[in-house]
Amino acid sequence: MRTGNFQPLARSGDIWVEDLPNETVVYDRATNRGHCLNATAAQVFRLADGQRTVAQIAAALSVGDQLDVVWLTLEELAACGLLAEPLPQGPSLTRRALITAGVGAALLPVIMTITASEALAY
């Protein structure tokens, strides 16, 4: 079982981050992939500084003891290659399980990824 003591670290090198009114865009220069993060995903990404624990991130998001929301977000950020370190082993989480547990859909992370073609040099 995962605890709230892990200190996640978001990638900071070779990425470009732009805050827009309703989302945050993270462009990964290494993979030419752009990731659009909703508010929950963007907040977790910004708070994952390697100093805060998962429990502290959950508290900052006002989700209280819902560590699972933060863990699901971290799993999705890791799948996109946006974390600098691997996550500790633990059971994978599902949106369905969180909604069944009473987590509001507005708190769930959403990350949409697109792949950009490389620029042609002439």
PDB file of N, CA and C in Angstrom:
ATOM      1  N   MET A   1       0.836  -1.184   0.000  1.00  0.00           N
ATOM      2  CA  MET A   1       0.000   0.000   0.000  1.00  0.00           C
ATOM      3  C   MET A   1       0.881   1.249   0.000  1.00  0.00           C
ATOM      4  N   ARG A   2       0.549   2.185  -0.815  1.00  0.00           N
ATOM      5  CA  ARG A   2       1.302   3.431  -0.870  1.00  0.00           C
ATOM      6  C   ARG A   2       0.896   4.335   0.277  1.00  0.00           C
ATOM      7  N   THR A   3       1.878   5.080   0.768  1.00  0.00           N
ATOM      8  CA  THR A   3       1.606   6.013   1.852  1.00  0.00           C
ATOM      9  C   THR A   3       1.735   7.438   1.341  1.00  0.00           C
ATOM     10  N   GLY A   4       1.547   8.381   2.215  1.00  0.00           N
ATOM     11  CA  GLY A   4       1.662   9.784   1.848  1.00  0.00           C
ATOM     12  C   GLY A   4       3.039  10.347   2.061  1.00  0.00           C
ATOM     13  N   ASN A   5       4.040   9.491   2.343  1.00  0.00           N
ATOM     14  CA  ASN A   5       5.379   9.970   2.673  1.00  0.00           C
ATOM     15  C   ASN A   5       6.293  10.168   1.467  1.00  0.00           C
ATOM     16  N   PHE A   6       5.928   9.637   0.312  1.00  0.00           N
ATOM     17  CA  PHE A   6       6.767   9.764  -0.880  1.00  0.00           C
ATOM     18  C   PHE A   6       6.835  11.224  -1.322  1.00  0.00           C
ATOM     19  N   GLN A   7       8.015  11.660  -1.783  1.00  0.00           N
ATOM     20  CA  GLN A   7       8.212  13.032  -2.243  1.00  0.00           C
ATOM     21  C   GLN A   7       8.448  13.026  -3.758  1.00  0.00           C
ATOM     22  N   PRO A   8       7.381  13.201  -4.543  1.00  0.00           N
ATOM     23  CA  PRO A   8       7.538  13.149  -5.999  1.00  0.00           C
ATOM     24  C   PRO A   8       8.264  14.378  -6.540  1.00  0.00           C
ATOM     25  N   LEU A   9       8.928  14.169  -7.672  1.00  0.00           N
ATOM     26  CA  LEU A   9       9.667  15.253  -8.321  1.00  0.00           C
ATOM     27  C   LEU A   9       9.279  15.309  -9.792  1.00  0.00           C
ATOM     28  N   ALA A  10       8.709  16.430 -10.192  1.00  0.00           N
ATOM     29  CA  ALA A  10       8.343  16.646 -11.591  1.00  0.00           C
ATOM     30  C   ALA A  10       9.594  16.994 -12.393  1.00  0.00           C
ATOM     31  N   ARG A  11       9.568  16.641 -13.670  1.00  0.00           N
ATOM     32  CA  ARG A  11      10.677  17.015 -14.549  1.00  0.00           C
ATOM     33  C   ARG A  11      10.724  18.526 -14.698  1.00  0.00           C
ATOM     34  N   SER A  12      11.931  19.041 -14.816  1.00  0.00           N
ATOM     35  CA  SER A  12      12.077  20.477 -15.046  1.00  0.00           C
ATOM     36  C   SER A  12      12.969  20.769 -16.242  1.00  0.00           C
ATOM     37  N   GLY A  13      13.763  19.804 -16.661  1.00  0.00           N
ATOM     38  CA  GLY A  13      14.649  20.022 -17.786  1.00  0.00           C
ATOM     39  C   GLY A  13      14.038  19.569 -19.093  1.00  0.00           C
ATOM     40  N   ASP A  14      14.329  20.304 -20.146  1.00  0.00           N
ATOM     41  CA  ASP A  14      13.908  19.968 -21.503  1.00  0.00           C
ATOM     42  C   ASP A  14      12.389  19.971 -21.680  1.00  0.00           C
ATOM     43  N   ILE A  15      11.710  20.797 -20.866  1.00  0.00           N
ATOM     44  CA  ILE A  15      10.271  20.974 -21.037  1.00  0.00           C
ATOM     45  C   ILE A  15       9.952  22.460 -21.046  1.00  0.00           C
ATOM     46  N   TRP A  16       8.827  22.789 -21.600  1.00  0.00           N
ATOM     47  CA  TRP A  16       8.325  24.159 -21.623  1.00  0.00           C
ATOM     48  C   TRP A  16       6.939  24.123 -21.017  1.00  0.00           C
ATOM     49  N   VAL A  17       6.653  25.023 -20.083  1.00  0.00           N
ATOM     50  CA  VAL A  17       5.370  25.040 -19.382  1.00  0.00           C
ATOM     51  C   VAL A  17       4.699  26.384 -19.617  1.00  0.00           C
ATOM     52  N   GLU A  18       3.433  26.343 -20.017  1.00  0.00           N
ATOM     53  CA  GLU A  18       2.662  27.553 -20.258  1.00  0.00           C
ATOM     54  C   GLU A  18       1.304  27.423 -19.577  1.00  0.00           C
ATOM     55  N   ASP A  19       0.994  28.382 -18.707  1.00  0.00           N
ATOM     56  CA  ASP A  19      -0.309  28.408 -18.045  1.00  0.00           C
ATOM     57  C   ASP A  19      -1.288  29.181 -18.917  1.00  0.00           C
ATOM     58  N   LEU A  20      -2.403  28.547 -19.227  1.00  0.00           N
ATOM     59  CA  LEU A  20      -3.476  29.166 -19.987  1.00  0.00           C
ATOM     60  C   LEU A  20      -4.669  29.335 -19.055  1.00  0.00           C
ATOM     61  N   PRO A  21      -5.713  30.045 -19.467  1.00  0.00           N
ATOM     62  CA  PRO A  21      -6.838  30.285 -18.559  1.00  0.00           C
ATOM     63  C   PRO A  21      -7.475  29.022 -17.970  1.00  0.00           C
ATOM     64  N   ASN A  22      -7.630  27.976 -18.732  1.00  0.00           N
ATOM     65  CA  ASN A  22      -8.329  26.791 -18.241  1.00  0.00           C
ATOM     66  C   ASN A  22      -7.479  25.535 -18.185  1.00  0.00           C
ATOM     67  N   GLU A  23      -6.201  25.646 -18.493  1.00  0.00           N
ATOM     68  CA  GLU A  23      -5.339  24.478 -18.496  1.00  0.00           C
ATOM     69  C   GLU A  23      -3.882  24.913 -18.477  1.00  0.00           C
ATOM     70  N   THR A  24      -3.020  23.956 -18.276  1.00  0.00           N
ATOM     71  CA  THR A  24      -1.582  24.187 -18.357  1.00  0.00           C
ATOM     72  C   THR A  24      -1.044  23.269 -19.435  1.00  0.00           C
ATOM     73  N   VAL A  25      -0.221  23.821 -20.314  1.00  0.00           N
ATOM     74  CA  VAL A  25       0.379  23.037 -21.384  1.00  0.00           C
ATOM     75  C   VAL A  25       1.842  22.789 -21.031  1.00  0.00           C
ATOM     76  N   VAL A  26       2.235  21.527 -21.096  1.00  0.00           N
ATOM     77  CA  VAL A  26       3.629  21.142 -20.866  1.00  0.00           C
ATOM     78  C   VAL A  26       4.115  20.510 -22.162  1.00  0.00           C
ATOM     79  N   TYR A  27       5.107  21.135 -22.787  1.00  0.00           N
ATOM     80  CA  TYR A  27       5.669  20.599 -24.022  1.00  0.00           C
ATOM     81  C   TYR A  27       7.004  19.933 -23.703  1.00  0.00           C
ATOM     82  N   ASP A  28       7.121  18.676 -24.052  1.00  0.00           N
ATOM     83  CA  ASP A  28       8.331  17.887 -23.815  1.00  0.00           C
ATOM     84  C   ASP A  28       9.182  17.963 -25.077  1.00  0.00           C
ATOM     85  N   ARG A  29      10.261  18.701 -25.006  1.00  0.00           N
ATOM     86  CA  ARG A  29      11.127  18.892 -26.175  1.00  0.00           C
ATOM     87  C   ARG A  29      11.837  17.599 -26.589  1.00  0.00           C
ATOM     88  N   ALA A  30      12.054  16.710 -25.637  1.00  0.00           N
ATOM     89  CA  ALA A  30      12.755  15.457 -25.931  1.00  0.00           C
ATOM     90  C   ALA A  30      11.898  14.511 -26.771  1.00  0.00           C
ATOM     91  N   THR A  31      10.582  14.532 -26.563  1.00  0.00           N
ATOM     92  CA  THR A  31       9.699  13.595 -27.275  1.00  0.00           C
ATOM     93  C   THR A  31       8.778  14.278 -28.276  1.00  0.00           C
ATOM     94  N   ASN A  32       8.824  15.604 -28.341  1.00  0.00           N
ATOM     95  CA  ASN A  32       7.919  16.380 -29.205  1.00  0.00           C
ATOM     96  C   ASN A  32       6.453  16.089 -28.897  1.00  0.00           C
ATOM     97  N   ARG A  33       6.164  15.948 -27.600  1.00  0.00           N
ATOM     98  CA  ARG A  33       4.783  15.713 -27.188  1.00  0.00           C
ATOM     99  C   ARG A  33       4.315  16.860 -26.302  1.00  0.00           C
ATOM    100  N   GLY A  34       3.103  17.299 -26.561  1.00  0.00           N
ATOM    101  CA  GLY A  34       2.481  18.326 -25.741  1.00  0.00           C
ATOM    102  C   GLY A  34       1.436  17.695 -24.850  1.00  0.00           C
ATOM    103  N   HIS A  35       1.377  18.120 -23.607  1.00  0.00           N
ATOM    104  CA  HIS A  35       0.439  17.577 -22.640  1.00  0.00           C
ATOM    105  C   HIS A  35      -0.407  18.727 -22.090  1.00  0.00           C
ATOM    106  N   CYS A  36      -1.718  18.619 -22.226  1.00  0.00           N
ATOM    107  CA  CYS A  36      -2.636  19.600 -21.654  1.00  0.00           C
ATOM    108  C   CYS A  36      -3.133  19.056 -20.323  1.00  0.00           C
ATOM    109  N   LEU A  37      -2.843  19.763 -19.237  1.00  0.00           N
ATOM    110  CA  LEU A  37      -3.190  19.320 -17.893  1.00  0.00           C
ATOM    111  C   LEU A  37      -4.354  20.150 -17.361  1.00  0.00           C
ATOM    112  N   ASN A  38      -5.365  19.477 -16.811  1.00  0.00           N
ATOM    113  CA  ASN A  38      -6.435  20.222 -16.168  1.00  0.00           C
ATOM    114  C   ASN A  38      -5.912  20.771 -14.842  1.00  0.00           C
ATOM    115  N   ALA A  39      -6.777  21.459 -14.082  1.00  0.00           N
ATOM    116  CA  ALA A  39      -6.336  22.135 -12.862  1.00  0.00           C
ATOM    117  C   ALA A  39      -5.714  21.176 -11.856  1.00  0.00           C
ATOM    118  N   THR A  40      -6.337  20.025 -11.637  1.00  0.00           N
ATOM    119  CA  THR A  40      -5.799  19.070 -10.660  1.00  0.00           C
ATOM    120  C   THR A  40      -4.421  18.575 -11.086  1.00  0.00           C
ATOM    121  N   ALA A  41      -4.295  18.148 -12.328  1.00  0.00           N
ATOM    122  CA  ALA A  41      -3.009  17.636 -12.820  1.00  0.00           C
ATOM    123  C   ALA A  41      -1.942  18.723 -12.784  1.00  0.00           C
ATOM    124  N   ALA A  42      -2.305  19.947 -13.152  1.00  0.00           N
ATOM    125  CA  ALA A  42      -1.342  21.049 -13.155  1.00  0.00           C
ATOM    126  C   ALA A  42      -0.869  21.373 -11.740  1.00  0.00           C
ATOM    127  N   GLN A  43      -1.793  21.370 -10.776  1.00  0.00           N
ATOM    128  CA  GLN A  43      -1.398  21.670  -9.397  1.00  0.00           C
ATOM    129  C   GLN A  43      -0.467  20.596  -8.844  1.00  0.00           C
ATOM    130  N   VAL A  44      -0.782  19.347  -9.093  1.00  0.00           N
ATOM    131  CA  VAL A  44       0.096  18.270  -8.612  1.00  0.00           C
ATOM    132  C   VAL A  44       1.465  18.387  -9.286  1.00  0.00           C
ATOM    133  N   PHE A  45       1.491  18.651 -10.592  1.00  0.00           N
ATOM    134  CA  PHE A  45       2.745  18.809 -11.323  1.00  0.00           C
ATOM    135  C   PHE A  45       3.584  19.926 -10.701  1.00  0.00           C
ATOM    136  N   ARG A  46       2.964  21.052 -10.418  1.00  0.00           N
ATOM    137  CA  ARG A  46       3.688  22.198  -9.851  1.00  0.00           C
ATOM    138  C   ARG A  46       4.154  21.935  -8.413  1.00  0.00           C
ATOM    139  N   LEU A  47       3.353  21.200  -7.647  1.00  0.00           N
ATOM    140  CA  LEU A  47       3.689  20.940  -6.244  1.00  0.00           C
ATOM    141  C   LEU A  47       4.682  19.793  -6.074  1.00  0.00           C
ATOM    142  N   ALA A  48       4.884  18.995  -7.109  1.00  0.00           N
ATOM    143  CA  ALA A  48       5.808  17.856  -7.035  1.00  0.00           C
ATOM    144  C   ALA A  48       7.242  18.369  -7.194  1.00  0.00           C
ATOM    145  N   ASP A  49       7.756  18.936  -6.124  1.00  0.00           N
ATOM    146  CA  ASP A  49       9.072  19.574  -6.164  1.00  0.00           C
ATOM    147  C   ASP A  49      10.170  18.755  -5.506  1.00  0.00           C
ATOM    148  N   GLY A  50       9.841  17.519  -5.097  1.00  0.00           N
ATOM    149  CA  GLY A  50      10.823  16.671  -4.433  1.00  0.00           C
ATOM    150  C   GLY A  50      10.972  16.982  -2.957  1.00  0.00           C
ATOM    151  N   GLN A  51      10.297  18.016  -2.481  1.00  0.00           N
ATOM    152  CA  GLN A  51      10.346  18.403  -1.071  1.00  0.00           C
ATOM    153  C   GLN A  51       9.027  18.089  -0.365  1.00  0.00           C
ATOM    154  N   ARG A  52       7.916  18.266  -1.084  1.00  0.00           N
ATOM    155  CA  ARG A  52       6.606  17.997  -0.495  1.00  0.00           C
ATOM    156  C   ARG A  52       6.274  16.520  -0.619  1.00  0.00           C
ATOM    157  N   THR A  53       5.607  15.996   0.396  1.00  0.00           N
ATOM    158  CA  THR A  53       5.147  14.615   0.350  1.00  0.00           C
ATOM    159  C   THR A  53       3.795  14.560  -0.359  1.00  0.00           C
ATOM    160  N   VAL A  54       3.378  13.356  -0.698  1.00  0.00           N
ATOM    161  CA  VAL A  54       2.061  13.170  -1.305  1.00  0.00           C
ATOM    162  C   VAL A  54       0.977  13.703  -0.369  1.00  0.00           C
ATOM    163  N   ALA A  55       1.127  13.479   0.921  1.00  0.00           N
ATOM    164  CA  ALA A  55       0.150  13.977   1.892  1.00  0.00           C
ATOM    165  C   ALA A  55       0.105  15.499   1.899  1.00  0.00           C
ATOM    166  N   GLN A  56       1.246  16.147   1.792  1.00  0.00           N
ATOM    167  CA  GLN A  56       1.284  17.606   1.759  1.00  0.00           C
ATOM    168  C   GLN A  56       0.668  18.139   0.470  1.00  0.00           C
ATOM    169  N   ILE A  57       0.893  17.448  -0.628  1.00  0.00           N
ATOM    170  CA  ILE A  57       0.279  17.856  -1.894  1.00  0.00           C
ATOM    171  C   ILE A  57      -1.235  17.716  -1.800  1.00  0.00           C
ATOM    172  N   ALA A  58      -1.704  16.611  -1.218  1.00  0.00           N
ATOM    173  CA  ALA A  58      -3.150  16.414  -1.046  1.00  0.00           C
ATOM    174  C   ALA A  58      -3.740  17.525  -0.186  1.00  0.00           C
ATOM    175  N   ALA A  59      -3.054  17.909   0.869  1.00  0.00           N
ATOM    176  CA  ALA A  59      -3.536  18.985   1.734  1.00  0.00           C
ATOM    177  C   ALA A  59      -3.585  20.312   0.984  1.00  0.00           C
ATOM    178  N   ALA A  60      -2.585  20.572   0.159  1.00  0.00           N
ATOM    179  CA  ALA A  60      -2.561  21.812  -0.618  1.00  0.00           C
ATOM    180  C   ALA A  60      -3.680  21.854  -1.655  1.00  0.00           C
ATOM    181  N   LEU A  61      -4.100  20.688  -2.136  1.00  0.00           N
ATOM    182  CA  LEU A  61      -5.181  20.616  -3.119  1.00  0.00           C
ATOM    183  C   LEU A  61      -6.551  20.647  -2.466  1.00  0.00           C
ATOM    184  N   SER A  62      -6.587  20.671  -1.150  1.00  0.00           N
ATOM    185  CA  SER A  62      -7.844  20.631  -0.394  1.00  0.00           C
ATOM    186  C   SER A  62      -8.634  19.365  -0.667  1.00  0.00           C
ATOM    187  N   VAL A  63      -7.930  18.252  -0.873  1.00  0.00           N
ATOM    188  CA  VAL A  63      -8.613  16.965  -1.001  1.00  0.00           C
ATOM    189  C   VAL A  63      -8.434  16.150   0.274  1.00  0.00           C
ATOM    190  N   GLY A  64      -7.844  16.803   1.286  1.00  0.00           N
ATOM    191  CA  GLY A  64      -7.729  16.181   2.598  1.00  0.00           C
ATOM    192  C   GLY A  64      -7.008  14.861   2.565  1.00  0.00           C
ATOM    193  N   ASP A  65      -7.706  13.826   3.053  1.00  0.00           N
ATOM    194  CA  ASP A  65      -7.072  12.515   3.143  1.00  0.00           C
ATOM    195  C   ASP A  65      -7.237  11.704   1.866  1.00  0.00           C
ATOM    196  N   GLN A  66      -7.658  12.323   0.793  1.00  0.00           N
ATOM    197  CA  GLN A  66      -7.828  11.626  -0.481  1.00  0.00           C
ATOM    198  C   GLN A  66      -6.485  11.521  -1.204  1.00  0.00           C
ATOM    199  N   LEU A  67      -5.574  10.795  -0.607  1.00  0.00           N
ATOM    200  CA  LEU A  67      -4.252  10.609  -1.220  1.00  0.00           C
ATOM    201  C   LEU A  67      -4.367   9.934  -2.576  1.00  0.00           C
ATOM    202  N   ASP A  68      -5.431   9.153  -2.760  1.00  0.00           N
ATOM    203  CA  ASP A  68      -5.595   8.433  -4.012  1.00  0.00           C
ATOM    204  C   ASP A  68      -5.712   9.372  -5.210  1.00  0.00           C
ATOM    205  N   VAL A  69      -6.290  10.557  -5.012  1.00  0.00           N
ATOM    206  CA  VAL A  69      -6.380  11.533  -6.102  1.00  0.00           C
ATOM    207  C   VAL A  69      -4.976  11.945  -6.537  1.00  0.00           C
ATOM    208  N   VAL A  70      -4.118  12.206  -5.566  1.00  0.00           N
ATOM    209  CA  VAL A  70      -2.743  12.601  -5.884  1.00  0.00           C
ATOM    210  C   VAL A  70      -1.997  11.434  -6.517  1.00  0.00           C
ATOM    211  N   TRP A  71      -2.168  10.220  -5.978  1.00  0.00           N
ATOM    212  CA  TRP A  71      -1.482   9.057  -6.548  1.00  0.00           C
ATOM    213  C   TRP A  71      -1.923   8.804  -7.989  1.00  0.00           C
ATOM    214  N   LEU A  72      -3.217   8.911  -8.279  1.00  0.00           N
ATOM    215  CA  LEU A  72      -3.692   8.724  -9.653  1.00  0.00           C
ATOM    216  C   LEU A  72      -3.076   9.766 -10.572  1.00  0.00           C
ATOM    217  N   THR A  73      -3.023  11.002 -10.097  1.00  0.00           N
ATOM    218  CA  THR A  73      -2.422  12.071 -10.897  1.00  0.00           C
ATOM    219  C   THR A  73      -0.947  11.788 -11.147  1.00  0.00           C
ATOM    220  N   LEU A  74      -0.237  11.352 -10.117  1.00  0.00           N
ATOM    221  CA  LEU A  74       1.187  11.033 -10.287  1.00  0.00           C
ATOM    222  C   LEU A  74       1.385   9.875 -11.259  1.00  0.00           C
ATOM    223  N   GLU A  75       0.509   8.872 -11.196  1.00  0.00           N
ATOM    224  CA  GLU A  75       0.598   7.762 -12.146  1.00  0.00           C
ATOM    225  C   GLU A  75       0.440   8.261 -13.579  1.00  0.00           C
ATOM    226  N   GLU A  76      -0.503   9.171 -13.789  1.00  0.00           N
ATOM    227  CA  GLU A  76      -0.729   9.696 -15.138  1.00  0.00           C
ATOM    228  C   GLU A  76       0.428  10.587 -15.585  1.00  0.00           C
ATOM    229  N   LEU A  77       0.962  11.393 -14.677  1.00  0.00           N
ATOM    230  CA  LEU A  77       2.132  12.210 -15.021  1.00  0.00           C
ATOM    231  C   LEU A  77       3.326  11.321 -15.353  1.00  0.00           C
ATOM    232  N   ALA A  78       3.514  10.243 -14.589  1.00  0.00           N
ATOM    233  CA  ALA A  78       4.616   9.306 -14.854  1.00  0.00           C
ATOM    234  C   ALA A  78       4.443   8.635 -16.211  1.00  0.00           C
ATOM    235  N   ALA A  79       3.209   8.260 -16.542  1.00  0.00           N
ATOM    236  CA  ALA A  79       2.947   7.617 -17.838  1.00  0.00           C
ATOM    237  C   ALA A  79       3.263   8.556 -18.993  1.00  0.00           C
ATOM    238  N   CYS A  80       3.162   9.850 -18.763  1.00  0.00           N
ATOM    239  CA  CYS A  80       3.482  10.844 -19.792  1.00  0.00           C
ATOM    240  C   CYS A  80       4.964  11.216 -19.787  1.00  0.00           C
ATOM    241  N   GLY A  81       5.715  10.674 -18.859  1.00  0.00           N
ATOM    242  CA  GLY A  81       7.142  10.985 -18.778  1.00  0.00           C
ATOM    243  C   GLY A  81       7.423  12.341 -18.156  1.00  0.00           C
ATOM    244  N   LEU A  82       6.510  12.829 -17.314  1.00  0.00           N
ATOM    245  CA  LEU A  82       6.674  14.154 -16.736  1.00  0.00           C
ATOM    246  C   LEU A  82       7.204  14.145 -15.307  1.00  0.00           C
ATOM    247  N   LEU A  83       7.574  12.966 -14.801  1.00  0.00           N
ATOM    248  CA  LEU A  83       8.207  12.892 -13.486  1.00  0.00           C
ATOM    249  C   LEU A  83       9.679  12.535 -13.661  1.00  0.00           C
ATOM    250  N   ALA A  84      10.506  13.103 -12.789  1.00  0.00           N
ATOM    251  CA  ALA A  84      11.946  12.877 -12.877  1.00  0.00           C
ATOM    252  C   ALA A  84      12.366  11.548 -12.279  1.00  0.00           C
ATOM    253  N   GLU A  85      11.533  10.994 -11.405  1.00  0.00           N
ATOM    254  CA  GLU A  85      11.867   9.750 -10.722  1.00  0.00           C
ATOM    255  C   GLU A  85      10.702   8.781 -10.834  1.00  0.00           C
ATOM    256  N   PRO A  86      10.975   7.487 -10.824  1.00  0.00           N
ATOM    257  CA  PRO A  86       9.869   6.517 -10.865  1.00  0.00           C
ATOM    258  C   PRO A  86       9.084   6.526  -9.556  1.00  0.00           C
ATOM    259  N   LEU A  87       7.842   6.127  -9.657  1.00  0.00           N
ATOM    260  CA  LEU A  87       6.982   6.027  -8.478  1.00  0.00           C
ATOM    261  C   LEU A  87       7.264   4.729  -7.740  1.00  0.00           C
ATOM    262  N   PRO A  88       7.044   4.714  -6.430  1.00  0.00           N
ATOM    263  CA  PRO A  88       7.193   3.446  -5.705  1.00  0.00           C
ATOM    264  C   PRO A  88       6.118   2.474  -6.154  1.00  0.00           C
ATOM    265  N   GLN A  89       6.415   1.204  -6.016  1.00  0.00           N
ATOM    266  CA  GLN A  89       5.455   0.167  -6.399  1.00  0.00           C
ATOM    267  C   GLN A  89       4.223   0.251  -5.521  1.00  0.00           C
ATOM    268  N   GLY A  90       3.100  -0.035  -6.124  1.00  0.00           N
ATOM    269  CA  GLY A  90       1.846  -0.031  -5.381  1.00  0.00           C
ATOM    270  C   GLY A  90       0.721  -0.371  -6.329  1.00  0.00           C
ATOM    271  N   PRO A  91      -0.458  -0.569  -5.793  1.00  0.00           N
ATOM    272  CA  PRO A  91      -1.598  -0.907  -6.648  1.00  0.00           C
ATOM    273  C   PRO A  91      -1.966   0.270  -7.548  1.00  0.00           C
ATOM    274  N   SER A  92      -2.287  -0.025  -8.793  1.00  0.00           N
ATOM    275  CA  SER A  92      -2.741   1.015  -9.714  1.00  0.00           C
ATOM    276  C   SER A  92      -4.145   1.434  -9.334  1.00  0.00           C
ATOM    277  N   LEU A  93      -4.428   2.685  -9.565  1.00  0.00           N
ATOM    278  CA  LEU A  93      -5.729   3.235  -9.226  1.00  0.00           C
ATOM    279  C   LEU A  93      -6.547   3.437 -10.491  1.00  0.00           C
ATOM    280  N   THR A  94      -7.854   3.445 -10.334  1.00  0.00           N
ATOM    281  CA  THR A  94      -8.735   3.710 -11.467  1.00  0.00           C
ATOM    282  C   THR A  94      -9.673   4.854 -11.125  1.00  0.00           C
ATOM    283  N   ARG A  95     -10.100   5.557 -12.137  1.00  0.00           N
ATOM    284  CA  ARG A  95     -11.068   6.634 -11.950  1.00  0.00           C
ATOM    285  C   ARG A  95     -12.364   6.091 -11.367  1.00  0.00           C
ATOM    286  N   ARG A  96     -12.766   4.942 -11.885  1.00  0.00           N
ATOM    287  CA  ARG A  96     -14.021   4.337 -11.428  1.00  0.00           C
ATOM    288  C   ARG A  96     -13.986   4.089  -9.918  1.00  0.00           C
ATOM    289  N   ALA A  97     -12.863   3.566  -9.428  1.00  0.00           N
ATOM    290  CA  ALA A  97     -12.745   3.289  -7.995  1.00  0.00           C
ATOM    291  C   ALA A  97     -12.818   4.578  -7.184  1.00  0.00           C
ATOM    292  N   LEU A  98     -12.195   5.637  -7.679  1.00  0.00           N
ATOM    293  CA  LEU A  98     -12.229   6.905  -6.951  1.00  0.00           C
ATOM    294  C   LEU A  98     -13.623   7.516  -6.950  1.00  0.00           C
ATOM    295  N   ILE A  99     -14.316   7.439  -8.076  1.00  0.00           N
ATOM    296  CA  ILE A  99     -15.677   7.973  -8.125  1.00  0.00           C
ATOM    297  C   ILE A  99     -16.589   7.162  -7.217  1.00  0.00           C
ATOM    298  N   THR A 100     -16.417   5.841  -7.223  1.00  0.00           N
ATOM    299  CA  THR A 100     -17.201   4.976  -6.341  1.00  0.00           C
ATOM    300  C   THR A 100     -16.931   5.315  -4.879  1.00  0.00           C
ATOM    301  N   ALA A 101     -15.703   5.726  -4.571  1.00  0.00           N
ATOM    302  CA  ALA A 101     -15.337   6.085  -3.194  1.00  0.00           C
ATOM    303  C   ALA A 101     -15.831   7.477  -2.815  1.00  0.00           C
ATOM    304  N   GLY A 102     -16.454   8.169  -3.760  1.00  0.00           N
ATOM    305  CA  GLY A 102     -17.039   9.464  -3.443  1.00  0.00           C
ATOM    306  C   GLY A 102     -16.230  10.671  -3.866  1.00  0.00           C
ATOM    307  N   VAL A 103     -15.170  10.477  -4.633  1.00  0.00           N
ATOM    308  CA  VAL A 103     -14.382  11.606  -5.120  1.00  0.00           C
ATOM    309  C   VAL A 103     -15.142  12.240  -6.278  1.00  0.00           C
ATOM    310  N   GLY A 104     -15.310  13.545  -6.226  1.00  0.00           N
ATOM    311  CA  GLY A 104     -16.015  14.248  -7.294  1.00  0.00           C
ATOM    312  C   GLY A 104     -15.232  14.218  -8.591  1.00  0.00           C
ATOM    313  N   ALA A 105     -15.939  14.110  -9.689  1.00  0.00           N
ATOM    314  CA  ALA A 105     -15.295  14.037 -11.002  1.00  0.00           C
ATOM    315  C   ALA A 105     -14.450  15.271 -11.291  1.00  0.00           C
ATOM    316  N   ALA A 106     -14.804  16.419 -10.735  1.00  0.00           N
ATOM    317  CA  ALA A 106     -14.043  17.645 -10.970  1.00  0.00           C
ATOM    318  C   ALA A 106     -12.636  17.574 -10.388  1.00  0.00           C
ATOM    319  N   LEU A 107     -12.425  16.717  -9.400  1.00  0.00           N
ATOM    320  CA  LEU A 107     -11.100  16.576  -8.790  1.00  0.00           C
ATOM    321  C   LEU A 107     -10.189  15.623  -9.547  1.00  0.00           C
ATOM    322  N   LEU A 108     -10.753  14.824 -10.430  1.00  0.00           N
ATOM    323  CA  LEU A 108      -9.944  13.831 -11.129  1.00  0.00           C
ATOM    324  C   LEU A 108      -9.020  14.503 -12.137  1.00  0.00           C
ATOM    325  N   PRO A 109      -7.798  13.991 -12.267  1.00  0.00           N
ATOM    326  CA  PRO A 109      -6.861  14.580 -13.221  1.00  0.00           C
ATOM    327  C   PRO A 109      -7.238  14.220 -14.654  1.00  0.00           C
ATOM    328  N   VAL A 110      -6.965  15.160 -15.550  1.00  0.00           N
ATOM    329  CA  VAL A 110      -7.135  14.912 -16.977  1.00  0.00           C
ATOM    330  C   VAL A 110      -5.877  15.411 -17.667  1.00  0.00           C
ATOM    331  N   ILE A 111      -5.260  14.523 -18.426  1.00  0.00           N
ATOM    332  CA  ILE A 111      -4.083  14.888 -19.206  1.00  0.00           C
ATOM    333  C   ILE A 111      -4.317  14.421 -20.633  1.00  0.00           C
ATOM    334  N   MET A 112      -4.338  15.360 -21.565  1.00  0.00           N
ATOM    335  CA  MET A 112      -4.463  15.025 -22.983  1.00  0.00           C
ATOM    336  C   MET A 112      -3.108  15.244 -23.634  1.00  0.00           C
ATOM    337  N   THR A 113      -2.677  14.267 -24.408  1.00  0.00           N
ATOM    338  CA  THR A 113      -1.351  14.313 -25.019  1.00  0.00           C
ATOM    339  C   THR A 113      -1.467  14.304 -26.528  1.00  0.00           C
ATOM    340  N   ILE A 114      -0.674  15.163 -27.174  1.00  0.00           N
ATOM    341  CA  ILE A 114      -0.583  15.148 -28.632  1.00  0.00           C
ATOM    342  C   ILE A 114       0.897  15.076 -29.008  1.00  0.00           C
ATOM    343  N   THR A 115       1.167  14.459 -30.111  1.00  0.00           N
ATOM    344  CA  THR A 115       2.531  14.371 -30.612  1.00  0.00           C
ATOM    345  C   THR A 115       2.687  15.352 -31.755  1.00  0.00           C
ATOM    346  N   ALA A 116       3.678  16.208 -31.644  1.00  0.00           N
ATOM    347  CA  ALA A 116       3.956  17.193 -32.694  1.00  0.00           C
ATOM    348  C   ALA A 116       5.020  16.622 -33.617  1.00  0.00           C
ATOM    349  N   SER A 117       4.871  16.910 -34.889  1.00  0.00           N
ATOM    350  CA  SER A 117       5.913  16.473 -35.826  1.00  0.00           C
ATOM    351  C   SER A 117       7.129  17.371 -35.645  1.00  0.00           C
ATOM    352  N   GLU A 118       8.278  16.809 -35.892  1.00  0.00           N
ATOM    353  CA  GLU A 118       9.506  17.605 -35.762  1.00  0.00           C
ATOM    354  C   GLU A 118       9.555  18.644 -36.866  1.00  0.00           C
ATOM    355  N   ALA A 119      10.084  19.801 -36.529  1.00  0.00           N
ATOM    356  CA  ALA A 119      10.221  20.873 -37.517  1.00  0.00           C
ATOM    357  C   ALA A 119      11.256  20.464 -38.562  1.00  0.00           C
ATOM    358  N   LEU A 120      10.957  20.751 -39.782  1.00  0.00           N
ATOM    359  CA  LEU A 120      11.902  20.451 -40.856  1.00  0.00           C
ATOM    360  C   LEU A 120      12.898  21.575 -41.006  1.00  0.00           C
ATOM    361  N   ALA A 121      14.150  21.244 -41.075  1.00  0.00           N
ATOM    362  CA  ALA A 121      15.195  22.259 -41.255  1.00  0.00           C
ATOM    363  C   ALA A 121      15.517  22.357 -42.743  1.00  0.00           C
ATOM    364  N   TYR A 122      15.460  23.558 -43.256  1.00  0.00           N
ATOM    365  CA  TYR A 122      15.781  23.772 -44.678  1.00  0.00           C
ATOM    366  C   TYR A 122      17.066  24.498 -44.817  1.00  0.00           C
TER     367      TYR A 122
END
